Protein backbone atom coordinates (compact mmCIF):
# COMPACT_ATOMS: atom_id res chain seq x y z
CA MET A 1 100.98 100.33 77.75
CA ILE A 2 100.97 96.66 78.74
CA LYS A 3 99.81 93.91 76.40
CA VAL A 4 96.86 91.89 77.73
CA VAL A 5 95.22 88.61 76.70
CA LEU A 6 91.78 87.51 77.94
CA ILE A 7 90.95 83.78 78.20
CA ASP A 8 87.45 82.62 79.17
CA ASP A 9 85.16 79.93 77.80
CA GLU A 10 82.17 82.35 77.82
CA PRO A 11 82.26 84.96 75.01
CA ASN A 12 80.00 87.26 77.03
CA ASN A 13 82.50 87.24 79.89
CA ILE A 14 85.32 88.15 77.50
CA ASN A 15 83.26 90.99 76.05
CA THR A 16 82.35 92.34 79.51
CA LEU A 17 85.93 92.25 80.74
CA GLN A 18 87.15 93.80 77.51
CA GLN A 19 84.74 96.72 77.85
CA LEU A 20 85.68 97.26 81.52
CA LEU A 21 89.39 97.28 80.72
CA LEU A 22 88.97 99.68 77.80
CA ARG A 23 86.90 102.07 79.89
CA PHE A 24 88.60 101.93 83.28
CA CYS A 25 92.18 100.73 82.68
CA PRO A 26 93.76 102.99 80.02
CA GLN A 27 97.23 101.51 80.60
CA VAL A 28 96.31 98.20 78.89
CA GLN A 29 96.25 97.15 75.26
CA ILE A 30 94.18 94.02 74.55
CA VAL A 31 96.16 92.00 71.99
CA GLY A 32 94.16 88.77 71.96
CA THR A 33 91.32 86.67 73.35
CA ALA A 34 90.64 82.92 73.54
CA GLU A 35 87.82 80.62 74.69
CA SER A 36 89.77 77.49 75.72
CA ALA A 37 93.11 76.35 77.05
CA ILE A 38 94.08 75.12 73.57
CA THR A 39 93.39 78.38 71.75
CA GLY A 40 94.70 80.28 74.76
CA GLU A 41 98.10 78.66 74.34
CA GLU A 42 98.17 79.67 70.69
CA VAL A 43 97.23 83.29 71.42
CA ILE A 44 99.78 83.62 74.23
CA ARG A 45 102.62 82.19 72.16
CA SER A 46 101.79 84.46 69.20
CA THR A 47 101.22 87.72 71.11
CA MET A 48 103.66 87.37 74.04
CA PRO A 49 101.50 89.35 76.49
CA ASP A 50 102.58 91.09 79.69
CA LEU A 51 99.39 90.10 81.52
CA VAL A 52 96.78 87.37 81.09
CA PHE A 53 93.31 87.36 82.63
CA LEU A 54 92.69 83.63 82.94
CA ASP A 55 89.44 81.83 83.70
CA ILE A 56 90.06 78.84 85.96
CA GLU A 57 87.49 76.34 84.68
CA MET A 58 87.41 75.79 80.91
CA PRO A 59 86.72 72.92 78.49
CA TYR A 60 89.63 70.88 77.13
CA GLY A 61 91.90 71.71 80.05
CA ASN A 62 91.68 74.21 82.88
CA ALA A 63 93.89 77.22 83.68
CA PHE A 64 96.48 75.10 85.50
CA ASP A 65 96.80 72.66 82.59
CA LEU A 66 97.50 75.66 80.36
CA LEU A 67 100.17 77.02 82.70
CA ASN A 68 101.85 73.61 82.85
CA THR A 69 102.03 73.60 79.06
CA LEU A 70 103.48 77.11 78.91
CA SER A 71 106.12 76.60 81.62
CA PRO A 72 108.30 78.56 82.23
CA VAL A 73 105.75 81.38 82.45
CA GLY A 74 107.02 84.88 81.69
CA PHE A 75 103.83 86.95 81.99
CA GLU A 76 101.75 88.15 84.94
CA ILE A 77 98.42 86.44 85.66
CA VAL A 78 95.11 87.47 87.18
CA PHE A 79 92.86 84.45 87.65
CA VAL A 80 89.14 84.98 87.10
CA THR A 81 86.51 82.67 88.55
CA ALA A 82 82.78 82.62 89.26
CA PHE A 83 83.18 80.91 92.62
CA ASP A 84 85.57 80.80 95.55
CA SER A 85 86.96 77.31 94.96
CA TYR A 86 89.61 75.48 96.95
CA ALA A 87 92.06 76.59 94.23
CA ILE A 88 91.77 80.17 95.48
CA ASN A 89 93.72 79.23 98.60
CA ALA A 90 96.49 77.75 96.47
CA ILE A 91 96.53 81.01 94.48
CA LYS A 92 96.87 82.99 97.72
CA TYR A 93 99.69 80.70 98.91
CA ALA A 94 101.61 81.62 95.75
CA ALA A 95 100.92 85.36 96.27
CA LEU A 96 99.10 85.48 92.94
CA ASP A 97 96.06 87.63 92.19
CA TYR A 98 92.48 86.73 91.34
CA LEU A 99 89.07 88.30 90.66
CA LEU A 100 85.64 86.87 91.41
CA LYS A 101 82.83 87.24 88.88
CA PRO A 102 80.93 89.51 88.52
CA ILE A 103 83.99 91.69 88.34
CA ASN A 104 84.16 94.75 90.57
CA ILE A 105 85.61 97.80 88.78
CA LYS A 106 87.78 98.97 91.68
CA GLU A 107 89.16 95.45 92.19
CA LEU A 108 89.90 95.22 88.46
CA GLN A 109 91.79 98.53 88.53
CA ARG A 110 93.69 97.40 91.61
CA ALA A 111 94.62 94.09 89.94
CA VAL A 112 95.97 95.87 86.85
CA ILE A 113 98.02 98.34 88.93
CA LYS A 114 99.50 95.51 91.00
CA ALA A 115 100.31 93.53 87.85
CA VAL A 116 102.15 96.51 86.36
CA GLU A 117 104.19 96.85 89.57
CA ARG A 118 105.04 93.14 89.56
CA LEU A 119 106.27 93.09 85.97
CA GLU A 120 109.69 94.34 87.10
CA ASN A 121 110.11 91.76 89.89
CA LYS A 122 110.38 88.62 87.72
CA HIS A 123 109.04 86.22 90.36
CA ILE A 124 106.17 84.89 88.28
CA HIS A 125 107.73 81.58 87.21
CA LYS A 126 108.56 80.66 90.80
CA GLN A 127 105.05 81.66 91.87
CA ILE A 128 103.50 79.43 89.21
CA GLU A 129 105.77 76.55 90.28
CA THR A 130 104.55 77.08 93.86
CA LEU A 131 100.91 77.16 92.73
CA LEU A 132 101.15 73.97 90.66
CA PHE A 133 103.08 72.15 93.39
CA ASN A 134 100.43 73.02 95.98
CA LEU A 135 97.58 71.98 93.70
CA GLN A 136 99.15 68.54 93.48
CA SER A 137 99.14 68.27 97.29
CA GLN A 138 96.26 66.91 99.30
CA LYS A 139 93.30 69.28 99.12
CA ASN A 140 93.72 72.25 101.51
CA SER A 141 97.12 70.93 102.62
CA TYR A 142 99.55 73.20 100.83
CA GLN A 143 103.27 73.02 101.49
CA ARG A 144 104.90 76.03 99.84
CA LEU A 145 104.23 79.66 100.65
CA ALA A 146 105.27 82.84 98.82
CA LEU A 147 106.01 85.63 101.32
CA PRO A 148 106.04 89.30 100.22
CA THR A 149 108.98 91.03 101.94
CA LEU A 150 110.48 94.50 101.43
CA ASP A 151 112.98 93.00 98.96
CA GLY A 152 110.53 90.92 96.92
CA LEU A 153 109.15 87.42 97.43
CA VAL A 154 110.64 84.68 99.60
CA PHE A 155 109.45 81.09 99.12
CA ILE A 156 109.33 78.73 102.11
CA ASN A 157 107.96 75.33 103.04
CA THR A 158 105.22 75.60 105.66
CA ASP A 159 106.82 72.89 107.78
CA ASP A 160 109.82 75.23 108.19
CA CYS A 161 107.62 77.88 109.82
CA ILE A 162 107.70 77.70 113.64
CA ARG A 163 105.43 80.62 114.44
CA MET A 164 104.16 84.03 113.31
CA GLU A 165 103.91 87.20 115.36
CA ALA A 166 101.88 90.32 114.51
CA LYS A 167 103.68 93.66 114.22
CA SER A 168 101.04 96.24 113.25
CA ASN A 169 100.30 95.62 109.53
CA TYR A 170 103.33 93.36 109.22
CA THR A 171 104.05 89.83 110.40
CA THR A 172 107.34 88.44 111.66
CA ILE A 173 107.78 84.80 110.63
CA PHE A 174 110.14 82.65 112.67
CA LEU A 175 111.72 79.82 110.71
CA LYS A 176 113.49 76.61 111.66
CA SER A 177 116.35 76.88 109.21
CA SER A 178 116.93 80.61 108.67
CA ALA A 179 116.61 84.07 110.20
CA PRO A 180 113.14 85.57 110.87
CA LEU A 181 111.36 87.33 108.00
CA ILE A 182 109.30 90.51 108.20
CA VAL A 183 106.39 90.13 105.79
CA SER A 184 104.02 92.78 104.45
CA LYS A 185 100.87 90.86 105.34
CA THR A 186 98.72 90.95 108.47
CA LEU A 187 98.36 87.96 110.77
CA LYS A 188 94.67 87.78 109.78
CA GLU A 189 95.64 87.25 106.14
CA PHE A 190 97.77 84.25 107.14
CA GLU A 191 95.05 82.93 109.45
CA ASP A 192 92.59 82.96 106.53
CA ILE A 193 94.73 80.76 104.28
CA LEU A 194 96.80 78.50 106.53
CA SER A 195 95.51 75.00 107.22
CA ALA A 196 93.77 74.78 110.62
CA ASP A 197 95.09 71.22 110.87
CA GLU A 198 98.66 72.54 110.94
CA PHE A 199 98.43 76.05 112.41
CA SER A 200 96.47 77.74 115.21
CA ARG A 201 95.98 81.38 116.10
CA ILE A 202 96.23 81.10 119.86
CA HIS A 203 96.36 84.83 120.63
CA HIS A 204 95.58 88.04 118.72
CA SER A 205 99.34 88.44 118.12
CA HIS A 206 100.41 84.83 117.52
CA ILE A 207 99.95 81.92 115.12
CA ILE A 208 101.86 78.74 115.92
CA ASN A 209 102.73 75.60 113.95
CA HIS A 210 101.52 72.47 115.79
CA LEU A 211 104.69 70.63 114.72
CA PHE A 212 106.81 72.83 117.01
CA VAL A 213 104.72 72.79 120.19
CA ARG A 214 106.82 71.29 122.99
CA LYS A 215 104.50 71.69 125.98
CA TYR A 216 101.24 73.29 127.13
CA HIS A 217 101.29 74.86 130.60
CA ARG A 218 97.95 75.13 132.42
CA GLY A 219 96.51 78.46 133.59
CA ARG A 220 93.53 80.70 132.83
CA GLY A 221 94.32 80.40 129.16
CA GLY A 222 97.64 78.78 129.78
CA TYR A 223 100.75 79.24 127.70
CA ILE A 224 102.69 77.22 125.16
CA GLU A 225 106.36 76.37 125.13
CA MET A 226 107.66 76.10 121.55
CA GLU A 227 110.61 74.01 120.34
CA ASP A 228 112.66 77.20 119.93
CA GLY A 229 112.15 77.99 123.63
CA THR A 230 109.58 80.75 123.09
CA MET A 231 106.76 81.01 125.65
CA ILE A 232 103.45 82.21 124.18
CA GLU A 233 100.28 83.05 126.07
CA VAL A 234 97.06 81.31 124.96
CA SER A 235 94.01 83.56 125.07
CA ILE A 236 91.14 82.21 127.16
CA ARG A 237 88.72 82.16 124.24
CA LYS A 238 91.21 80.25 122.06
CA ARG A 239 92.25 77.66 124.67
CA ASP A 240 89.56 74.97 124.21
CA GLU A 241 89.69 75.16 120.41
CA PHE A 242 93.47 74.81 120.46
CA LEU A 243 93.58 71.92 122.95
CA ALA A 244 90.87 70.04 121.01
CA LYS A 245 93.31 69.71 118.12
CA PHE A 246 95.56 67.56 120.28
CA SER A 247 92.90 65.36 121.84
């Protein structure tokens, strides 16, 4: 059994989530609930949960204010929100989990299973640091990325990433200052969260960082020469969109 706390400013939302967890997630024990960041802090400190379901927007301080207060964080978190805000991208950058309201039962079960698996990895404090750092950055311009590898999580700065190359359901990430990483995410997942001002998917197998483009060579789609000497084909349908970023 894992100890769970629910924090949401709407009592009905707490009740709904509580009933769903009791019915569909038998591995959890709900040890406390709270309706604000202030009472949430009190409940967390008194119950020492393994997992917190945390509403993002609340009165008297939001979820991120609460996490700042509790730092260093020693419990897993599943964020819960009624809308897909810009903060969701920052959550994805930190490899943290979230649920959108109304909560889907299968997604809830998946989130609990993943949280149980992560409890042994002890990366949560570094993930929260990454999240809070990125939220302080210019909107949609995040600088730190948590990468799930076979050994755990690796944290990098995005301006250290030269390019990404698809390998089936994995992605190889080529870095400026260290050896390449094989990451258990698809290229599409990175395309969805990376800033289009900094990165471009120029081919179905390649995402490149604009900072490391040395030269564009003309052709049907053309190809790009990167600072590390790599030559990458640009697909015809991606060419105009890519070149427009440099005009």
